[in-house]
Amino acid sequence: MDTLFHAQTLMIIAAGAIATYLTRVGGYIFITRMKRIPPRAEAALNAVPAAVLTTLVAPAAITGGWDVSLTMAIALLAGLRLALLPMLAVGWIVVMILRTFLMG
């Protein structure tokens, strides 16, 4: 590794930044030009947060090991009763306890 940054890596980062910018701006322009949002489009937009969460959680649940899977199950149960930040705190505490005392 001769240099700190490789040209190919910088090109990939720049392309990702441009693609992200264009999709965000394009979506904003598209939505603002509509007189009303069709029900199917609104339903699709409402499904985006669940889809993003699934793509973040599913790989960790499958490949993360039993400590991660158990923590996610406990966090899910905590999430049924608690707000987001307390649920995250419960999950963090559980995984730290499992990794410190049972795996360590």
PDB file of N, CA and C in Angstrom:
ATOM      1  N   MET A   1       0.842  -1.163   0.000  1.00  0.00           N
ATOM      2  CA  MET A   1       0.000   0.000   0.000  1.00  0.00           C
ATOM      3  C   MET A   1       0.890   1.230   0.000  1.00  0.00           C
ATOM      4  N   ASP A   2       1.081   1.801  -1.155  1.00  0.00           N
ATOM      5  CA  ASP A   2       1.996   2.922  -1.306  1.00  0.00           C
ATOM      6  C   ASP A   2       1.387   4.250  -0.886  1.00  0.00           C
ATOM      7  N   THR A   3       0.126   4.422  -1.169  1.00  0.00           N
ATOM      8  CA  THR A   3      -0.504   5.701  -0.880  1.00  0.00           C
ATOM      9  C   THR A   3      -1.595   5.530   0.152  1.00  0.00           C
ATOM     10  N   LEU A   4      -2.006   6.645   0.721  1.00  0.00           N
ATOM     11  CA  LEU A   4      -3.063   6.608   1.726  1.00  0.00           C
ATOM     12  C   LEU A   4      -4.415   6.291   1.097  1.00  0.00           C
ATOM     13  N   PHE A   5      -4.673   6.871  -0.074  1.00  0.00           N
ATOM     14  CA  PHE A   5      -5.929   6.642  -0.773  1.00  0.00           C
ATOM     15  C   PHE A   5      -5.650   6.119  -2.172  1.00  0.00           C
ATOM     16  N   HIS A   6      -6.361   5.106  -2.574  1.00  0.00           N
ATOM     17  CA  HIS A   6      -6.262   4.602  -3.926  1.00  0.00           C
ATOM     18  C   HIS A   6      -7.289   5.330  -4.796  1.00  0.00           C
ATOM     19  N   ALA A   7      -6.947   5.566  -6.026  1.00  0.00           N
ATOM     20  CA  ALA A   7      -7.843   6.286  -6.933  1.00  0.00           C
ATOM     21  C   ALA A   7      -9.158   5.532  -7.116  1.00  0.00           C
ATOM     22  N   GLN A   8      -9.095   4.217  -7.203  1.00  0.00           N
ATOM     23  CA  GLN A   8     -10.309   3.423  -7.386  1.00  0.00           C
ATOM     24  C   GLN A   8     -11.224   3.552  -6.167  1.00  0.00           C
ATOM     25  N   THR A   9     -10.664   3.549  -4.983  1.00  0.00           N
ATOM     26  CA  THR A   9     -11.471   3.705  -3.777  1.00  0.00           C
ATOM     27  C   THR A   9     -12.135   5.067  -3.741  1.00  0.00           C
ATOM     28  N   LEU A  10     -11.395   6.101  -4.087  1.00  0.00           N
ATOM     29  CA  LEU A  10     -11.963   7.445  -4.113  1.00  0.00           C
ATOM     30  C   LEU A  10     -13.066   7.568  -5.161  1.00  0.00           C
ATOM     31  N   MET A  11     -12.906   6.903  -6.303  1.00  0.00           N
ATOM     32  CA  MET A  11     -13.936   6.932  -7.341  1.00  0.00           C
ATOM     33  C   MET A  11     -15.217   6.232  -6.858  1.00  0.00           C
ATOM     34  N   ILE A  12     -15.059   5.126  -6.146  1.00  0.00           N
ATOM     35  CA  ILE A  12     -16.223   4.413  -5.618  1.00  0.00           C
ATOM     36  C   ILE A  12     -16.953   5.277  -4.595  1.00  0.00           C
ATOM     37  N   ILE A  13     -16.215   5.931  -3.721  1.00  0.00           N
ATOM     38  CA  ILE A  13     -16.829   6.805  -2.719  1.00  0.00           C
ATOM     39  C   ILE A  13     -17.543   7.969  -3.402  1.00  0.00           C
ATOM     40  N   ALA A  14     -16.897   8.577  -4.388  1.00  0.00           N
ATOM     41  CA  ALA A  14     -17.516   9.702  -5.110  1.00  0.00           C
ATOM     42  C   ALA A  14     -18.766   9.250  -5.860  1.00  0.00           C
ATOM     43  N   ALA A  15     -18.715   8.088  -6.506  1.00  0.00           N
ATOM     44  CA  ALA A  15     -19.880   7.585  -7.231  1.00  0.00           C
ATOM     45  C   ALA A  15     -21.029   7.299  -6.264  1.00  0.00           C
ATOM     46  N   GLY A  16     -20.727   6.733  -5.121  1.00  0.00           N
ATOM     47  CA  GLY A  16     -21.766   6.479  -4.117  1.00  0.00           C
ATOM     48  C   GLY A  16     -22.381   7.770  -3.604  1.00  0.00           C
ATOM     49  N   ALA A  17     -21.546   8.788  -3.387  1.00  0.00           N
ATOM     50  CA  ALA A  17     -22.051  10.077  -2.921  1.00  0.00           C
ATOM     51  C   ALA A  17     -22.941  10.730  -3.975  1.00  0.00           C
ATOM     52  N   ILE A  18     -22.530  10.675  -5.212  1.00  0.00           N
ATOM     53  CA  ILE A  18     -23.327  11.261  -6.296  1.00  0.00           C
ATOM     54  C   ILE A  18     -24.645  10.517  -6.453  1.00  0.00           C
ATOM     55  N   ALA A  19     -24.604   9.193  -6.425  1.00  0.00           N
ATOM     56  CA  ALA A  19     -25.831   8.399  -6.557  1.00  0.00           C
ATOM     57  C   ALA A  19     -26.792   8.681  -5.406  1.00  0.00           C
ATOM     58  N   THR A  20     -26.267   8.787  -4.198  1.00  0.00           N
ATOM     59  CA  THR A  20     -27.105   9.098  -3.041  1.00  0.00           C
ATOM     60  C   THR A  20     -27.747  10.467  -3.188  1.00  0.00           C
ATOM     61  N   TYR A  21     -26.955  11.446  -3.578  1.00  0.00           N
ATOM     62  CA  TYR A  21     -27.469  12.807  -3.759  1.00  0.00           C
ATOM     63  C   TYR A  21     -28.556  12.850  -4.830  1.00  0.00           C
ATOM     64  N   LEU A  22     -28.294  12.214  -5.965  1.00  0.00           N
ATOM     65  CA  LEU A  22     -29.261  12.250  -7.060  1.00  0.00           C
ATOM     66  C   LEU A  22     -30.568  11.541  -6.710  1.00  0.00           C
ATOM     67  N   THR A  23     -30.496  10.430  -5.997  1.00  0.00           N
ATOM     68  CA  THR A  23     -31.731   9.746  -5.631  1.00  0.00           C
ATOM     69  C   THR A  23     -32.529  10.557  -4.617  1.00  0.00           C
ATOM     70  N   ARG A  24     -31.856  11.211  -3.700  1.00  0.00           N
ATOM     71  CA  ARG A  24     -32.575  12.029  -2.722  1.00  0.00           C
ATOM     72  C   ARG A  24     -33.201  13.250  -3.381  1.00  0.00           C
ATOM     73  N   VAL A  25     -32.433  13.937  -4.203  1.00  0.00           N
ATOM     74  CA  VAL A  25     -32.957  15.123  -4.875  1.00  0.00           C
ATOM     75  C   VAL A  25     -34.045  14.724  -5.868  1.00  0.00           C
ATOM     76  N   GLY A  26     -33.821  13.647  -6.605  1.00  0.00           N
ATOM     77  CA  GLY A  26     -34.811  13.184  -7.568  1.00  0.00           C
ATOM     78  C   GLY A  26     -36.123  12.810  -6.901  1.00  0.00           C
ATOM     79  N   GLY A  27     -36.051  12.133  -5.776  1.00  0.00           N
ATOM     80  CA  GLY A  27     -37.263  11.778  -5.041  1.00  0.00           C
ATOM     81  C   GLY A  27     -37.993  13.006  -4.534  1.00  0.00           C
ATOM     82  N   TYR A  28     -37.241  13.974  -4.033  1.00  0.00           N
ATOM     83  CA  TYR A  28     -37.857  15.219  -3.558  1.00  0.00           C
ATOM     84  C   TYR A  28     -38.554  15.954  -4.700  1.00  0.00           C
ATOM     85  N   ILE A  29     -37.868  16.085  -5.828  1.00  0.00           N
ATOM     86  CA  ILE A  29     -38.457  16.771  -6.991  1.00  0.00           C
ATOM     87  C   ILE A  29     -39.692  16.025  -7.485  1.00  0.00           C
ATOM     88  N   PHE A  30     -39.611  14.711  -7.546  1.00  0.00           N
ATOM     89  CA  PHE A  30     -40.740  13.906  -8.009  1.00  0.00           C
ATOM     90  C   PHE A  30     -41.963  14.087  -7.112  1.00  0.00           C
ATOM     91  N   ILE A  31     -41.765  14.025  -5.805  1.00  0.00           N
ATOM     92  CA  ILE A  31     -42.884  14.133  -4.867  1.00  0.00           C
ATOM     93  C   ILE A  31     -43.470  15.547  -4.865  1.00  0.00           C
ATOM     94  N   THR A  32     -42.617  16.581  -4.938  1.00  0.00           N
ATOM     95  CA  THR A  32     -43.132  17.951  -4.888  1.00  0.00           C
ATOM     96  C   THR A  32     -43.891  18.327  -6.155  1.00  0.00           C
ATOM     97  N   ARG A  33     -43.649  17.676  -7.267  1.00  0.00           N
ATOM     98  CA  ARG A  33     -44.354  17.984  -8.519  1.00  0.00           C
ATOM     99  C   ARG A  33     -45.730  17.312  -8.604  1.00  0.00           C
ATOM    100  N   MET A  34     -45.981  16.364  -7.734  1.00  0.00           N
ATOM    101  CA  MET A  34     -47.261  15.660  -7.763  1.00  0.00           C
ATOM    102  C   MET A  34     -48.314  16.513  -7.051  1.00  0.00           C
ATOM    103  N   LYS A  35     -49.505  16.516  -7.576  1.00  0.00           N
ATOM    104  CA  LYS A  35     -50.605  17.228  -6.922  1.00  0.00           C
ATOM    105  C   LYS A  35     -51.069  16.457  -5.684  1.00  0.00           C
ATOM    106  N   ARG A  36     -51.077  15.142  -5.791  1.00  0.00           N
ATOM    107  CA  ARG A  36     -51.379  14.286  -4.644  1.00  0.00           C
ATOM    108  C   ARG A  36     -50.600  12.984  -4.822  1.00  0.00           C
ATOM    109  N   ILE A  37     -50.293  12.377  -3.718  1.00  0.00           N
ATOM    110  CA  ILE A  37     -49.551  11.119  -3.762  1.00  0.00           C
ATOM    111  C   ILE A  37     -50.546   9.975  -3.923  1.00  0.00           C
ATOM    112  N   PRO A  38     -50.365   9.144  -4.952  1.00  0.00           N
ATOM    113  CA  PRO A  38     -51.270   7.997  -5.138  1.00  0.00           C
ATOM    114  C   PRO A  38     -51.187   7.041  -3.942  1.00  0.00           C
ATOM    115  N   PRO A  39     -52.278   6.376  -3.628  1.00  0.00           N
ATOM    116  CA  PRO A  39     -52.289   5.471  -2.468  1.00  0.00           C
ATOM    117  C   PRO A  39     -51.217   4.385  -2.529  1.00  0.00           C
ATOM    118  N   ARG A  40     -50.938   3.856  -3.702  1.00  0.00           N
ATOM    119  CA  ARG A  40     -49.898   2.814  -3.816  1.00  0.00           C
ATOM    120  C   ARG A  40     -48.520   3.374  -3.512  1.00  0.00           C
ATOM    121  N   ALA A  41     -48.257   4.605  -3.995  1.00  0.00           N
ATOM    122  CA  ALA A  41     -46.966   5.236  -3.705  1.00  0.00           C
ATOM    123  C   ALA A  41     -46.843   5.546  -2.224  1.00  0.00           C
ATOM    124  N   GLU A  42     -47.926   5.997  -1.611  1.00  0.00           N
ATOM    125  CA  GLU A  42     -47.900   6.279  -0.173  1.00  0.00           C
ATOM    126  C   GLU A  42     -47.666   4.998   0.626  1.00  0.00           C
ATOM    127  N   ALA A  43     -48.299   3.917   0.217  1.00  0.00           N
ATOM    128  CA  ALA A  43     -48.093   2.637   0.898  1.00  0.00           C
ATOM    129  C   ALA A  43     -46.646   2.173   0.754  1.00  0.00           C
ATOM    130  N   ALA A  44     -46.071   2.363  -0.431  1.00  0.00           N
ATOM    131  CA  ALA A  44     -44.668   1.989  -0.649  1.00  0.00           C
ATOM    132  C   ALA A  44     -43.741   2.836   0.219  1.00  0.00           C
ATOM    133  N   LEU A  45     -43.997   4.126   0.296  1.00  0.00           N
ATOM    134  CA  LEU A  45     -43.172   5.003   1.128  1.00  0.00           C
ATOM    135  C   LEU A  45     -43.304   4.655   2.605  1.00  0.00           C
ATOM    136  N   ASN A  46     -44.488   4.266   3.033  1.00  0.00           N
ATOM    137  CA  ASN A  46     -44.679   3.867   4.425  1.00  0.00           C
ATOM    138  C   ASN A  46     -43.960   2.559   4.756  1.00  0.00           C
ATOM    139  N   ALA A  47     -43.702   1.722   3.766  1.00  0.00           N
ATOM    140  CA  ALA A  47     -43.022   0.445   3.989  1.00  0.00           C
ATOM    141  C   ALA A  47     -41.503   0.580   4.026  1.00  0.00           C
ATOM    142  N   VAL A  48     -40.969   1.702   3.609  1.00  0.00           N
ATOM    143  CA  VAL A  48     -39.514   1.863   3.527  1.00  0.00           C
ATOM    144  C   VAL A  48     -38.817   1.696   4.878  1.00  0.00           C
ATOM    145  N   PRO A  49     -39.271   2.325   5.976  1.00  0.00           N
ATOM    146  CA  PRO A  49     -38.547   2.147   7.247  1.00  0.00           C
ATOM    147  C   PRO A  49     -38.449   0.692   7.692  1.00  0.00           C
ATOM    148  N   ALA A  50     -39.533  -0.070   7.548  1.00  0.00           N
ATOM    149  CA  ALA A  50     -39.491  -1.485   7.933  1.00  0.00           C
ATOM    150  C   ALA A  50     -38.536  -2.273   7.044  1.00  0.00           C
ATOM    151  N   ALA A  51     -38.507  -1.944   5.761  1.00  0.00           N
ATOM    152  CA  ALA A  51     -37.600  -2.643   4.846  1.00  0.00           C
ATOM    153  C   ALA A  51     -36.138  -2.343   5.176  1.00  0.00           C
ATOM    154  N   VAL A  52     -35.847  -1.098   5.482  1.00  0.00           N
ATOM    155  CA  VAL A  52     -34.469  -0.722   5.830  1.00  0.00           C
ATOM    156  C   VAL A  52     -34.055  -1.398   7.135  1.00  0.00           C
ATOM    157  N   LEU A  53     -34.937  -1.384   8.123  1.00  0.00           N
ATOM    158  CA  LEU A  53     -34.628  -2.037   9.393  1.00  0.00           C
ATOM    159  C   LEU A  53     -34.384  -3.523   9.204  1.00  0.00           C
ATOM    160  N   THR A  54     -35.187  -4.158   8.376  1.00  0.00           N
ATOM    161  CA  THR A  54     -35.012  -5.584   8.107  1.00  0.00           C
ATOM    162  C   THR A  54     -33.665  -5.868   7.461  1.00  0.00           C
ATOM    163  N   THR A  55     -33.251  -5.022   6.514  1.00  0.00           N
ATOM    164  CA  THR A  55     -31.965  -5.255   5.854  1.00  0.00           C
ATOM    165  C   THR A  55     -30.796  -5.032   6.798  1.00  0.00           C
ATOM    166  N   LEU A  56     -30.984  -4.260   7.839  1.00  0.00           N
ATOM    167  CA  LEU A  56     -29.912  -4.056   8.815  1.00  0.00           C
ATOM    168  C   LEU A  56     -29.878  -5.146   9.875  1.00  0.00           C
ATOM    169  N   VAL A  57     -31.043  -5.617  10.290  1.00  0.00           N
ATOM    170  CA  VAL A  57     -31.123  -6.556  11.404  1.00  0.00           C
ATOM    171  C   VAL A  57     -30.970  -8.003  10.960  1.00  0.00           C
ATOM    172  N   ALA A  58     -31.558  -8.387   9.848  1.00  0.00           N
ATOM    173  CA  ALA A  58     -31.566  -9.793   9.432  1.00  0.00           C
ATOM    174  C   ALA A  58     -30.166 -10.394   9.281  1.00  0.00           C
ATOM    175  N   PRO A  59     -29.223  -9.739   8.592  1.00  0.00           N
ATOM    176  CA  PRO A  59     -27.894 -10.362   8.479  1.00  0.00           C
ATOM    177  C   PRO A  59     -27.212 -10.570   9.836  1.00  0.00           C
ATOM    178  N   ALA A  60     -27.376  -9.609  10.742  1.00  0.00           N
ATOM    179  CA  ALA A  60     -26.767  -9.755  12.063  1.00  0.00           C
ATOM    180  C   ALA A  60     -27.427 -10.886  12.841  1.00  0.00           C
ATOM    181  N   ALA A  61     -28.725 -11.018  12.718  1.00  0.00           N
ATOM    182  CA  ALA A  61     -29.426 -12.089  13.429  1.00  0.00           C
ATOM    183  C   ALA A  61     -29.015 -13.464  12.916  1.00  0.00           C
ATOM    184  N   ILE A  62     -28.742 -13.553  11.628  1.00  0.00           N
ATOM    185  CA  ILE A  62     -28.396 -14.852  11.040  1.00  0.00           C
ATOM    186  C   ILE A  62     -26.932 -15.213  11.272  1.00  0.00           C
ATOM    187  N   THR A  63     -26.039 -14.251  11.121  1.00  0.00           N
ATOM    188  CA  THR A  63     -24.606 -14.553  11.185  1.00  0.00           C
ATOM    189  C   THR A  63     -23.935 -14.084  12.463  1.00  0.00           C
ATOM    190  N   GLY A  64     -24.659 -13.432  13.352  1.00  0.00           N
ATOM    191  CA  GLY A  64     -24.035 -12.811  14.518  1.00  0.00           C
ATOM    192  C   GLY A  64     -23.731 -13.727  15.673  1.00  0.00           C
ATOM    193  N   GLY A  65     -24.266 -14.904  15.690  1.00  0.00           N
ATOM    194  CA  GLY A  65     -24.032 -15.800  16.816  1.00  0.00           C
ATOM    195  C   GLY A  65     -25.203 -15.786  17.781  1.00  0.00           C
ATOM    196  N   TRP A  66     -25.148 -16.677  18.758  1.00  0.00           N
ATOM    197  CA  TRP A  66     -26.273 -16.813  19.673  1.00  0.00           C
ATOM    198  C   TRP A  66     -26.433 -15.608  20.572  1.00  0.00           C
ATOM    199  N   ASP A  67     -25.324 -14.933  20.919  1.00  0.00           N
ATOM    200  CA  ASP A  67     -25.435 -13.763  21.785  1.00  0.00           C
ATOM    201  C   ASP A  67     -26.195 -12.625  21.095  1.00  0.00           C
ATOM    202  N   VAL A  68     -25.941 -12.434  19.814  1.00  0.00           N
ATOM    203  CA  VAL A  68     -26.632 -11.386  19.058  1.00  0.00           C
ATOM    204  C   VAL A  68     -28.105 -11.755  18.865  1.00  0.00           C
ATOM    205  N   SER A  69     -28.373 -12.994  18.536  1.00  0.00           N
ATOM    206  CA  SER A  69     -29.759 -13.424  18.340  1.00  0.00           C
ATOM    207  C   SER A  69     -30.567 -13.298  19.635  1.00  0.00           C
ATOM    208  N   LEU A  70     -29.985 -13.706  20.753  1.00  0.00           N
ATOM    209  CA  LEU A  70     -30.665 -13.583  22.035  1.00  0.00           C
ATOM    210  C   LEU A  70     -30.897 -12.123  22.399  1.00  0.00           C
ATOM    211  N   THR A  71     -29.909 -11.292  22.149  1.00  0.00           N
ATOM    212  CA  THR A  71     -30.047  -9.864  22.426  1.00  0.00           C
ATOM    213  C   THR A  71     -31.144  -9.246  21.577  1.00  0.00           C
ATOM    214  N   MET A  72     -31.215  -9.619  20.308  1.00  0.00           N
ATOM    215  CA  MET A  72     -32.266  -9.080  19.441  1.00  0.00           C
ATOM    216  C   MET A  72     -33.645  -9.515  19.901  1.00  0.00           C
ATOM    217  N   ALA A  73     -33.771 -10.744  20.374  1.00  0.00           N
ATOM    218  CA  ALA A  73     -35.060 -11.208  20.879  1.00  0.00           C
ATOM    219  C   ALA A  73     -35.465 -10.431  22.128  1.00  0.00           C
ATOM    220  N   ILE A  74     -34.515 -10.203  23.019  1.00  0.00           N
ATOM    221  CA  ILE A  74     -34.800  -9.438  24.244  1.00  0.00           C
ATOM    222  C   ILE A  74     -35.118  -7.990  23.892  1.00  0.00           C
ATOM    223  N   ALA A  75     -34.380  -7.410  22.951  1.00  0.00           N
ATOM    224  CA  ALA A  75     -34.648  -6.035  22.525  1.00  0.00           C
ATOM    225  C   ALA A  75     -36.020  -5.933  21.870  1.00  0.00           C
ATOM    226  N   LEU A  76     -36.416  -6.947  21.121  1.00  0.00           N
ATOM    227  CA  LEU A  76     -37.749  -6.955  20.520  1.00  0.00           C
ATOM    228  C   LEU A  76     -38.820  -6.927  21.604  1.00  0.00           C
ATOM    229  N   LEU A  77     -38.660  -7.754  22.621  1.00  0.00           N
ATOM    230  CA  LEU A  77     -39.629  -7.764  23.723  1.00  0.00           C
ATOM    231  C   LEU A  77     -39.621  -6.432  24.469  1.00  0.00           C
ATOM    232  N   ALA A  78     -38.442  -5.873  24.689  1.00  0.00           N
ATOM    233  CA  ALA A  78     -38.352  -4.565  25.354  1.00  0.00           C
ATOM    234  C   ALA A  78     -38.988  -3.483  24.491  1.00  0.00           C
ATOM    235  N   GLY A  79     -38.838  -3.598  23.180  1.00  0.00           N
ATOM    236  CA  GLY A  79     -39.401  -2.616  22.264  1.00  0.00           C
ATOM    237  C   GLY A  79     -40.919  -2.606  22.247  1.00  0.00           C
ATOM    238  N   LEU A  80     -41.527  -3.691  22.690  1.00  0.00           N
ATOM    239  CA  LEU A  80     -42.990  -3.724  22.781  1.00  0.00           C
ATOM    240  C   LEU A  80     -43.508  -2.860  23.926  1.00  0.00           C
ATOM    241  N   ARG A  81     -42.653  -2.585  24.907  1.00  0.00           N
ATOM    242  CA  ARG A  81     -43.059  -1.804  26.082  1.00  0.00           C
ATOM    243  C   ARG A  81     -42.339  -0.463  26.219  1.00  0.00           C
ATOM    244  N   LEU A  82     -41.150  -0.357  25.649  1.00  0.00           N
ATOM    245  CA  LEU A  82     -40.323   0.838  25.862  1.00  0.00           C
ATOM    246  C   LEU A  82     -40.192   1.659  24.588  1.00  0.00           C
ATOM    247  N   ALA A  83     -39.749   2.890  24.762  1.00  0.00           N
ATOM    248  CA  ALA A  83     -39.443   3.754  23.626  1.00  0.00           C
ATOM    249  C   ALA A  83     -38.125   3.300  22.996  1.00  0.00           C
ATOM    250  N   LEU A  84     -37.730   3.968  21.913  1.00  0.00           N
ATOM    251  CA  LEU A  84     -36.561   3.543  21.142  1.00  0.00           C
ATOM    252  C   LEU A  84     -35.267   3.565  21.953  1.00  0.00           C
ATOM    253  N   LEU A  85     -34.939   4.680  22.586  1.00  0.00           N
ATOM    254  CA  LEU A  85     -33.659   4.776  23.294  1.00  0.00           C
ATOM    255  C   LEU A  85     -33.554   3.809  24.474  1.00  0.00           C
ATOM    256  N   PRO A  86     -34.581   3.678  25.310  1.00  0.00           N
ATOM    257  CA  PRO A  86     -34.479   2.651  26.354  1.00  0.00           C
ATOM    258  C   PRO A  86     -34.345   1.238  25.792  1.00  0.00           C
ATOM    259  N   MET A  87     -35.021   0.947  24.679  1.00  0.00           N
ATOM    260  CA  MET A  87     -34.896  -0.368  24.061  1.00  0.00           C
ATOM    261  C   MET A  87     -33.460  -0.607  23.592  1.00  0.00           C
ATOM    262  N   LEU A  88     -32.858   0.413  22.979  1.00  0.00           N
ATOM    263  CA  LEU A  88     -31.462   0.285  22.552  1.00  0.00           C
ATOM    264  C   LEU A  88     -30.537   0.087  23.741  1.00  0.00           C
ATOM    265  N   ALA A  89     -30.808   0.789  24.839  1.00  0.00           N
ATOM    266  CA  ALA A  89     -29.999   0.627  26.047  1.00  0.00           C
ATOM    267  C   ALA A  89     -30.119  -0.790  26.587  1.00  0.00           C
ATOM    268  N   VAL A  90     -31.328  -1.328  26.613  1.00  0.00           N
ATOM    269  CA  VAL A  90     -31.524  -2.713  27.071  1.00  0.00           C
ATOM    270  C   VAL A  90     -30.732  -3.675  26.192  1.00  0.00           C
ATOM    271  N   GLY A  91     -30.824  -3.512  24.880  1.00  0.00           N
ATOM    272  CA  GLY A  91     -30.082  -4.376  23.970  1.00  0.00           C
ATOM    273  C   GLY A  91     -28.585  -4.270  24.167  1.00  0.00           C
ATOM    274  N   TRP A  92     -28.093  -3.060  24.331  1.00  0.00           N
ATOM    275  CA  TRP A  92     -26.654  -2.856  24.535  1.00  0.00           C
ATOM    276  C   TRP A  92     -26.201  -3.512  25.833  1.00  0.00           C
ATOM    277  N   ILE A  93     -26.961  -3.315  26.909  1.00  0.00           N
ATOM    278  CA  ILE A  93     -26.600  -3.900  28.207  1.00  0.00           C
ATOM    279  C   ILE A  93     -26.601  -5.418  28.124  1.00  0.00           C
ATOM    280  N   VAL A  94     -27.616  -5.993  27.496  1.00  0.00           N
ATOM    281  CA  VAL A  94     -27.708  -7.450  27.399  1.00  0.00           C
ATOM    282  C   VAL A  94     -26.530  -8.020  26.618  1.00  0.00           C
ATOM    283  N   VAL A  95     -26.208  -7.444  25.468  1.00  0.00           N
ATOM    284  CA  VAL A  95     -25.113  -7.995  24.674  1.00  0.00           C
ATOM    285  C   VAL A  95     -23.770  -7.820  25.388  1.00  0.00           C
ATOM    286  N   MET A  96     -23.591  -6.725  26.117  1.00  0.00           N
ATOM    287  CA  MET A  96     -22.344  -6.537  26.861  1.00  0.00           C
ATOM    288  C   MET A  96     -22.227  -7.559  27.998  1.00  0.00           C
ATOM    289  N   ILE A  97     -23.335  -7.819  28.683  1.00  0.00           N
ATOM    290  CA  ILE A  97     -23.312  -8.831  29.755  1.00  0.00           C
ATOM    291  C   ILE A  97     -23.016 -10.213  29.186  1.00  0.00           C
ATOM    292  N   LEU A  98     -23.687 -10.569  28.096  1.00  0.00           N
ATOM    293  CA  LEU A  98     -23.445 -11.879  27.488  1.00  0.00           C
ATOM    294  C   LEU A  98     -21.994 -12.016  27.026  1.00  0.00           C
ATOM    295  N   ARG A  99     -21.465 -10.990  26.392  1.00  0.00           N
ATOM    296  CA  ARG A  99     -20.097 -11.085  25.880  1.00  0.00           C
ATOM    297  C   ARG A  99     -19.060 -11.038  26.985  1.00  0.00           C
ATOM    298  N   THR A 100     -19.344 -10.338  28.063  1.00  0.00           N
ATOM    299  CA  THR A 100     -18.369 -10.223  29.157  1.00  0.00           C
ATOM    300  C   THR A 100     -18.346 -11.454  30.037  1.00  0.00           C
ATOM    301  N   PHE A 101     -19.504 -11.924  30.461  1.00  0.00           N
ATOM    302  CA  PHE A 101     -19.552 -12.978  31.466  1.00  0.00           C
ATOM    303  C   PHE A 101     -19.744 -14.374  30.906  1.00  0.00           C
ATOM    304  N   LEU A 102     -20.419 -14.516  29.783  1.00  0.00           N
ATOM    305  CA  LEU A 102     -20.686 -15.858  29.292  1.00  0.00           C
ATOM    306  C   LEU A 102     -19.775 -16.291  28.152  1.00  0.00           C
ATOM    307  N   MET A 103     -19.199 -15.334  27.456  1.00  0.00           N
ATOM    308  CA  MET A 103     -18.344 -15.685  26.327  1.00  0.00           C
ATOM    309  C   MET A 103     -16.869 -15.390  26.619  1.00  0.00           C
ATOM    310  N   GLY A 104     -16.633 -14.629  27.633  1.00  0.00           N
ATOM    311  CA  GLY A 104     -15.336 -14.085  27.811  1.00  0.00           C
ATOM    312  C   GLY A 104     -14.301 -14.717  28.552  1.00  0.00           C
TER     313      GLY A 104
END
